[in-house]
Amino acid sequence: ERSALRISAVMALDETGPESFASTSYRDFSSQNDRAPWPGTGMEAFIDASNAALGTSKALLIVGEAGSGKTWLLRHLLRGRRSLWLTEEMFQRDPTPELTDIDALVLDRVDLLPPSAQLRLPALIDRIRSRGGVVLASLPESKALAKLPSELRFRLGSRKVELLPLRKAPDLRKCLVRVEAGLRMELGLPPSP
């Protein structure tokens, strides 16, 4: 899972331009991710709840199992913001990342960060919040929050949006029809009747 997350982070950075992962992790999602959420998943309600939570708080925790859309929602919420995505590898290279010109600090799968990094995160969160920035974090399940250091738990646990697993989507049929249509297009097959 950690390897997949690293690959995903590198691929996302490659999509944003010529900057390399080693030189920067700053991203602006203004022009990216314009796609609508998967139909039938109820993601529109989670977008509204997340935007409302960001309006009243400077930290938002998104909880959901793999495949529920955490990373999609993070990217959607970051449109128009310059963001810094903190990853395990980034902390190995730079133990104190620079936060200049950043509107959002993103801790995607904060539970996978090394314990030494988790202990330094509260100070980074306070710095970004003192400058009016927002903090977004994700975890695979609510009980993973209890395993984080208390200072970090305190800063991340106040506002939480819990995504439904895909198998509990309100209208899974709509979602599956879109998946099939996308696969047929990729394979060069005619649309399904």
C-alpha atoms as a PDB file:
ATOM      1  CA  GLU A   1       0.000   0.000   0.000  1.00  0.00           C
ATOM      2  CA  ARG A   2       2.845   2.388   0.814  1.00  0.00           C
ATOM      3  CA  SER A   3       4.459   1.708  -2.560  1.00  0.00           C
ATOM      4  CA  ALA A   4       1.184   2.411  -4.340  1.00  0.00           C
ATOM      5  CA  LEU A   5       0.819   5.709  -2.466  1.00  0.00           C
ATOM      6  CA  ARG A   6       4.366   6.748  -3.402  1.00  0.00           C
ATOM      7  CA  ILE A   7       3.724   5.931  -7.065  1.00  0.00           C
ATOM      8  CA  SER A   8       0.440   7.830  -6.936  1.00  0.00           C
ATOM      9  CA  ALA A   9       2.164  10.894  -5.460  1.00  0.00           C
ATOM     10  CA  VAL A  10       4.868  10.855  -8.118  1.00  0.00           C
ATOM     11  CA  MET A  11       2.319  10.406 -10.922  1.00  0.00           C
ATOM     12  CA  ALA A  12       0.184  13.258  -9.615  1.00  0.00           C
ATOM     13  CA  LEU A  13       3.221  15.528  -9.563  1.00  0.00           C
ATOM     14  CA  ASP A  14       4.194  14.463 -13.078  1.00  0.00           C
ATOM     15  CA  GLU A  15       0.714  15.444 -14.295  1.00  0.00           C
ATOM     16  CA  THR A  16       1.064  18.974 -12.934  1.00  0.00           C
ATOM     17  CA  GLY A  17       4.052  19.997 -15.008  1.00  0.00           C
ATOM     18  CA  PRO A  18       7.757  19.649 -15.545  1.00  0.00           C
ATOM     19  CA  GLU A  19       8.720  20.055 -11.889  1.00  0.00           C
ATOM     20  CA  SER A  20      10.281  16.954 -10.417  1.00  0.00           C
ATOM     21  CA  PHE A  21       9.145  15.253  -7.236  1.00  0.00           C
ATOM     22  CA  ALA A  22      12.567  15.789  -5.674  1.00  0.00           C
ATOM     23  CA  SER A  23      12.577  19.537  -6.269  1.00  0.00           C
ATOM     24  CA  THR A  24       9.056  20.430  -5.192  1.00  0.00           C
ATOM     25  CA  SER A  25       5.809  19.090  -3.837  1.00  0.00           C
ATOM     26  CA  TYR A  26       3.837  22.300  -4.327  1.00  0.00           C
ATOM     27  CA  ARG A  27       0.789  21.930  -6.514  1.00  0.00           C
ATOM     28  CA  ASP A  28      -2.056  24.056  -7.735  1.00  0.00           C
ATOM     29  CA  PHE A  29      -5.145  22.080  -8.714  1.00  0.00           C
ATOM     30  CA  SER A  30      -6.975  25.018 -10.330  1.00  0.00           C
ATOM     31  CA  SER A  31      -7.053  23.530 -13.808  1.00  0.00           C
ATOM     32  CA  GLN A  32      -6.973  19.870 -12.768  1.00  0.00           C
ATOM     33  CA  ASN A  33      -9.626  17.483 -11.706  1.00  0.00           C
ATOM     34  CA  ASP A  34     -12.528  19.247 -13.393  1.00  0.00           C
ATOM     35  CA  ARG A  35     -14.301  15.925 -13.791  1.00  0.00           C
ATOM     36  CA  ALA A  36     -17.585  15.501 -12.035  1.00  0.00           C
ATOM     37  CA  PRO A  37     -17.647  12.927  -9.239  1.00  0.00           C
ATOM     38  CA  TRP A  38     -18.663   9.395 -10.105  1.00  0.00           C
ATOM     39  CA  PRO A  39     -22.442   9.300 -10.549  1.00  0.00           C
ATOM     40  CA  GLY A  40     -24.399   7.281  -8.040  1.00  0.00           C
ATOM     41  CA  THR A  41     -21.789   7.510  -5.285  1.00  0.00           C
ATOM     42  CA  GLY A  42     -23.338  10.462  -3.445  1.00  0.00           C
ATOM     43  CA  MET A  43     -20.012  12.342  -3.616  1.00  0.00           C
ATOM     44  CA  GLU A  44     -21.828  15.652  -4.182  1.00  0.00           C
ATOM     45  CA  ALA A  45     -23.095  15.523  -0.585  1.00  0.00           C
ATOM     46  CA  PHE A  46     -19.552  14.871   0.692  1.00  0.00           C
ATOM     47  CA  ILE A  47     -18.253  17.821  -1.345  1.00  0.00           C
ATOM     48  CA  ASP A  48     -20.880  20.089   0.230  1.00  0.00           C
ATOM     49  CA  ALA A  49     -20.145  18.787   3.747  1.00  0.00           C
ATOM     50  CA  SER A  50     -16.398  19.203   3.216  1.00  0.00           C
ATOM     51  CA  ASN A  51     -16.726  22.759   1.906  1.00  0.00           C
ATOM     52  CA  ALA A  52     -18.946  23.643   4.863  1.00  0.00           C
ATOM     53  CA  ALA A  53     -16.412  22.160   7.287  1.00  0.00           C
ATOM     54  CA  LEU A  54     -13.547  24.055   5.643  1.00  0.00           C
ATOM     55  CA  GLY A  55     -15.560  27.260   5.981  1.00  0.00           C
ATOM     56  CA  THR A  56     -15.821  26.893   9.761  1.00  0.00           C
ATOM     57  CA  SER A  57     -12.497  25.252  10.535  1.00  0.00           C
ATOM     58  CA  LYS A  58      -8.948  25.315   9.303  1.00  0.00           C
ATOM     59  CA  ALA A  59      -8.483  21.516   9.492  1.00  0.00           C
ATOM     60  CA  LEU A  60     -10.535  18.785   7.863  1.00  0.00           C
ATOM     61  CA  LEU A  61     -10.070  15.033   8.199  1.00  0.00           C
ATOM     62  CA  ILE A  62     -11.433  12.824   5.405  1.00  0.00           C
ATOM     63  CA  VAL A  63     -11.965   9.210   6.420  1.00  0.00           C
ATOM     64  CA  GLY A  64     -12.729   6.341   4.071  1.00  0.00           C
ATOM     65  CA  GLU A  65     -11.461   2.954   3.021  1.00  0.00           C
ATOM     66  CA  ALA A  66      -9.328   2.451  -0.090  1.00  0.00           C
ATOM     67  CA  GLY A  67     -11.258   3.303  -3.238  1.00  0.00           C
ATOM     68  CA  SER A  68     -13.867   5.477  -1.515  1.00  0.00           C
ATOM     69  CA  GLY A  69     -12.579   8.673  -3.164  1.00  0.00           C
ATOM     70  CA  LYS A  70     -10.432  10.339  -0.473  1.00  0.00           C
ATOM     71  CA  THR A  71      -7.712  11.491  -2.850  1.00  0.00           C
ATOM     72  CA  TRP A  72     -10.259  12.641  -5.444  1.00  0.00           C
ATOM     73  CA  LEU A  73     -12.055  14.700  -2.800  1.00  0.00           C
ATOM     74  CA  LEU A  74      -8.776  16.176  -1.521  1.00  0.00           C
ATOM     75  CA  ARG A  75      -7.846  17.284  -5.032  1.00  0.00           C
ATOM     76  CA  HIS A  76     -11.315  18.673  -5.659  1.00  0.00           C
ATOM     77  CA  LEU A  77     -11.196  20.738  -2.458  1.00  0.00           C
ATOM     78  CA  LEU A  78      -7.736  22.059  -3.371  1.00  0.00           C
ATOM     79  CA  ARG A  79      -8.779  23.679  -6.639  1.00  0.00           C
ATOM     80  CA  GLY A  80      -7.571  27.272  -6.623  1.00  0.00           C
ATOM     81  CA  ARG A  81      -5.153  26.670  -3.737  1.00  0.00           C
ATOM     82  CA  ARG A  82      -1.393  26.171  -3.824  1.00  0.00           C
ATOM     83  CA  SER A  83      -0.839  23.063  -1.778  1.00  0.00           C
ATOM     84  CA  LEU A  84       1.958  21.105  -0.218  1.00  0.00           C
ATOM     85  CA  TRP A  85       1.387  17.330  -0.032  1.00  0.00           C
ATOM     86  CA  LEU A  86       3.501  15.826   2.715  1.00  0.00           C
ATOM     87  CA  THR A  87       4.594  12.260   2.102  1.00  0.00           C
ATOM     88  CA  GLU A  88       6.833   9.812   3.901  1.00  0.00           C
ATOM     89  CA  GLU A  89       9.584  10.260   1.298  1.00  0.00           C
ATOM     90  CA  MET A  90       9.468  14.027   1.572  1.00  0.00           C
ATOM     91  CA  PHE A  91      10.176  13.849   5.305  1.00  0.00           C
ATOM     92  CA  GLN A  92      13.113  11.549   4.641  1.00  0.00           C
ATOM     93  CA  ARG A  93      14.665  14.213   2.383  1.00  0.00           C
ATOM     94  CA  ASP A  94      13.604  17.377   4.227  1.00  0.00           C
ATOM     95  CA  PRO A  95      12.621  17.088   7.908  1.00  0.00           C
ATOM     96  CA  THR A  96      11.320  20.691   8.006  1.00  0.00           C
ATOM     97  CA  PRO A  97       9.470  21.481   4.761  1.00  0.00           C
ATOM     98  CA  GLU A  98       9.149  25.132   3.756  1.00  0.00           C
ATOM     99  CA  LEU A  99       5.615  26.545   3.858  1.00  0.00           C
ATOM    100  CA  THR A 100       6.025  29.809   1.936  1.00  0.00           C
ATOM    101  CA  ASP A 101       3.346  30.690  -0.635  1.00  0.00           C
ATOM    102  CA  ILE A 102       1.186  27.742   0.444  1.00  0.00           C
ATOM    103  CA  ASP A 103      -2.597  27.930   0.986  1.00  0.00           C
ATOM    104  CA  ALA A 104      -3.110  24.301   1.978  1.00  0.00           C
ATOM    105  CA  LEU A 105      -1.192  21.575   3.762  1.00  0.00           C
ATOM    106  CA  VAL A 106      -2.246  18.051   2.743  1.00  0.00           C
ATOM    107  CA  LEU A 107      -1.551  14.960   4.837  1.00  0.00           C
ATOM    108  CA  ASP A 108      -2.856  12.169   2.622  1.00  0.00           C
ATOM    109  CA  ARG A 109      -2.752   8.958   4.704  1.00  0.00           C
ATOM    110  CA  VAL A 110      -1.197  10.718   7.683  1.00  0.00           C
ATOM    111  CA  ASP A 111      -1.073   7.347   9.477  1.00  0.00           C
ATOM    112  CA  LEU A 112       1.672   6.163   7.087  1.00  0.00           C
ATOM    113  CA  LEU A 113       4.032   9.011   7.947  1.00  0.00           C
ATOM    114  CA  PRO A 114       6.904   7.964  10.223  1.00  0.00           C
ATOM    115  CA  PRO A 115       6.384   8.631  13.951  1.00  0.00           C
ATOM    116  CA  SER A 116       9.148  11.269  13.957  1.00  0.00           C
ATOM    117  CA  ALA A 117       7.283  13.173  11.225  1.00  0.00           C
ATOM    118  CA  GLN A 118       3.955  12.824  13.043  1.00  0.00           C
ATOM    119  CA  LEU A 119       5.531  14.477  16.083  1.00  0.00           C
ATOM    120  CA  ARG A 120       6.633  17.456  13.962  1.00  0.00           C
ATOM    121  CA  LEU A 121       3.294  17.902  12.202  1.00  0.00           C
ATOM    122  CA  PRO A 122       1.496  19.902  14.945  1.00  0.00           C
ATOM    123  CA  ALA A 123       4.028  22.748  14.582  1.00  0.00           C
ATOM    124  CA  LEU A 124       3.615  22.719  10.773  1.00  0.00           C
ATOM    125  CA  ILE A 125      -0.166  22.708  11.111  1.00  0.00           C
ATOM    126  CA  ASP A 126      -0.043  25.663  13.514  1.00  0.00           C
ATOM    127  CA  ARG A 127       2.190  27.600  11.101  1.00  0.00           C
ATOM    128  CA  ILE A 128      -0.078  27.081   8.109  1.00  0.00           C
ATOM    129  CA  ARG A 129      -3.212  27.891  10.125  1.00  0.00           C
ATOM    130  CA  SER A 130      -1.663  31.072  11.572  1.00  0.00           C
ATOM    131  CA  ARG A 131      -1.219  32.294   7.985  1.00  0.00           C
ATOM    132  CA  GLY A 132      -4.878  31.603   7.126  1.00  0.00           C
ATOM    133  CA  GLY A 133      -4.201  28.355   5.276  1.00  0.00           C
ATOM    134  CA  VAL A 134      -6.179  25.148   5.535  1.00  0.00           C
ATOM    135  CA  VAL A 135      -5.099  21.658   6.528  1.00  0.00           C
ATOM    136  CA  LEU A 136      -6.557  18.561   4.882  1.00  0.00           C
ATOM    137  CA  ALA A 137      -5.774  15.041   6.041  1.00  0.00           C
ATOM    138  CA  SER A 138      -7.006  11.558   5.244  1.00  0.00           C
ATOM    139  CA  LEU A 139      -7.167   8.263   7.097  1.00  0.00           C
ATOM    140  CA  PRO A 140      -8.541   4.852   6.060  1.00  0.00           C
ATOM    141  CA  GLU A 141     -10.721   4.511   9.183  1.00  0.00           C
ATOM    142  CA  SER A 142     -11.750   6.545  12.216  1.00  0.00           C
ATOM    143  CA  LYS A 143      -9.962   4.323  14.711  1.00  0.00           C
ATOM    144  CA  ALA A 144      -6.621   5.108  12.995  1.00  0.00           C
ATOM    145  CA  LEU A 145      -6.928   8.588  14.507  1.00  0.00           C
ATOM    146  CA  ALA A 146      -6.473   7.107  18.001  1.00  0.00           C
ATOM    147  CA  LYS A 147      -3.046   5.788  17.002  1.00  0.00           C
ATOM    148  CA  LEU A 148      -1.690   9.246  16.162  1.00  0.00           C
ATOM    149  CA  PRO A 149       0.179  11.373  18.731  1.00  0.00           C
ATOM    150  CA  SER A 150      -2.201  13.317  20.979  1.00  0.00           C
ATOM    151  CA  GLU A 151      -1.144  16.778  19.711  1.00  0.00           C
ATOM    152  CA  LEU A 152      -1.780  15.700  16.126  1.00  0.00           C
ATOM    153  CA  ARG A 153      -5.091  14.032  17.059  1.00  0.00           C
ATOM    154  CA  PHE A 154      -6.210  17.263  18.715  1.00  0.00           C
ATOM    155  CA  ARG A 155      -5.485  19.305  15.582  1.00  0.00           C
ATOM    156  CA  LEU A 156      -7.031  16.893  13.085  1.00  0.00           C
ATOM    157  CA  GLY A 157      -9.982  15.407  14.937  1.00  0.00           C
ATOM    158  CA  SER A 158     -12.346  18.375  15.210  1.00  0.00           C
ATOM    159  CA  ARG A 159     -13.916  18.281  11.723  1.00  0.00           C
ATOM    160  CA  LYS A 160     -14.379  14.961   9.969  1.00  0.00           C
ATOM    161  CA  VAL A 161     -16.095  13.786   6.790  1.00  0.00           C
ATOM    162  CA  GLU A 162     -16.555  10.030   6.490  1.00  0.00           C
ATOM    163  CA  LEU A 163     -16.899   8.697   2.934  1.00  0.00           C
ATOM    164  CA  LEU A 164     -19.011   5.664   2.141  1.00  0.00           C
ATOM    165  CA  PRO A 165     -17.273   2.614   0.705  1.00  0.00           C
ATOM    166  CA  LEU A 166     -18.083   2.102  -2.956  1.00  0.00           C
ATOM    167  CA  ARG A 167     -20.115  -1.026  -2.175  1.00  0.00           C
ATOM    168  CA  LYS A 168     -22.533   1.182  -0.184  1.00  0.00           C
ATOM    169  CA  ALA A 169     -23.000   3.785  -2.928  1.00  0.00           C
ATOM    170  CA  PRO A 170     -26.611   5.046  -3.085  1.00  0.00           C
ATOM    171  CA  ASP A 171     -26.881   4.029  -6.766  1.00  0.00           C
ATOM    172  CA  LEU A 172     -24.065   1.622  -7.595  1.00  0.00           C
ATOM    173  CA  ARG A 173     -25.646   0.835 -10.974  1.00  0.00           C
ATOM    174  CA  LYS A 174     -24.996   4.386 -12.249  1.00  0.00           C
ATOM    175  CA  CYS A 175     -21.404   4.133 -11.117  1.00  0.00           C
ATOM    176  CA  LEU A 176     -20.871   0.741 -12.776  1.00  0.00           C
ATOM    177  CA  VAL A 177     -22.423   1.964 -16.046  1.00  0.00           C
ATOM    178  CA  ARG A 178     -19.889   4.805 -16.132  1.00  0.00           C
ATOM    179  CA  VAL A 179     -17.002   2.451 -15.328  1.00  0.00           C
ATOM    180  CA  GLU A 180     -18.088   0.115 -18.138  1.00  0.00           C
ATOM    181  CA  ALA A 181     -18.442   3.018 -20.598  1.00  0.00           C
ATOM    182  CA  GLY A 182     -14.935   4.221 -19.736  1.00  0.00           C
ATOM    183  CA  LEU A 183     -13.449   0.755 -20.151  1.00  0.00           C
ATOM    184  CA  ARG A 184     -15.213   0.264 -23.493  1.00  0.00           C
ATOM    185  CA  MET A 185     -13.855   3.583 -24.738  1.00  0.00           C
ATOM    186  CA  GLU A 186     -10.293   2.689 -23.630  1.00  0.00           C
ATOM    187  CA  LEU A 187     -10.523  -0.701 -25.365  1.00  0.00           C
ATOM    188  CA  GLY A 188     -11.975   0.798 -28.549  1.00  0.00           C
ATOM    189  CA  LEU A 189     -15.260  -1.086 -28.194  1.00  0.00           C
ATOM    190  CA  PRO A 190     -18.629   0.352 -29.236  1.00  0.00           C
ATOM    191  CA  PRO A 191     -20.878   1.718 -26.477  1.00  0.00           C
ATOM    192  CA  SER A 192     -22.972  -0.820 -24.619  1.00  0.00           C
ATOM    193  CA  PRO A 193     -26.651  -0.983 -25.620  1.00  0.00           C
END
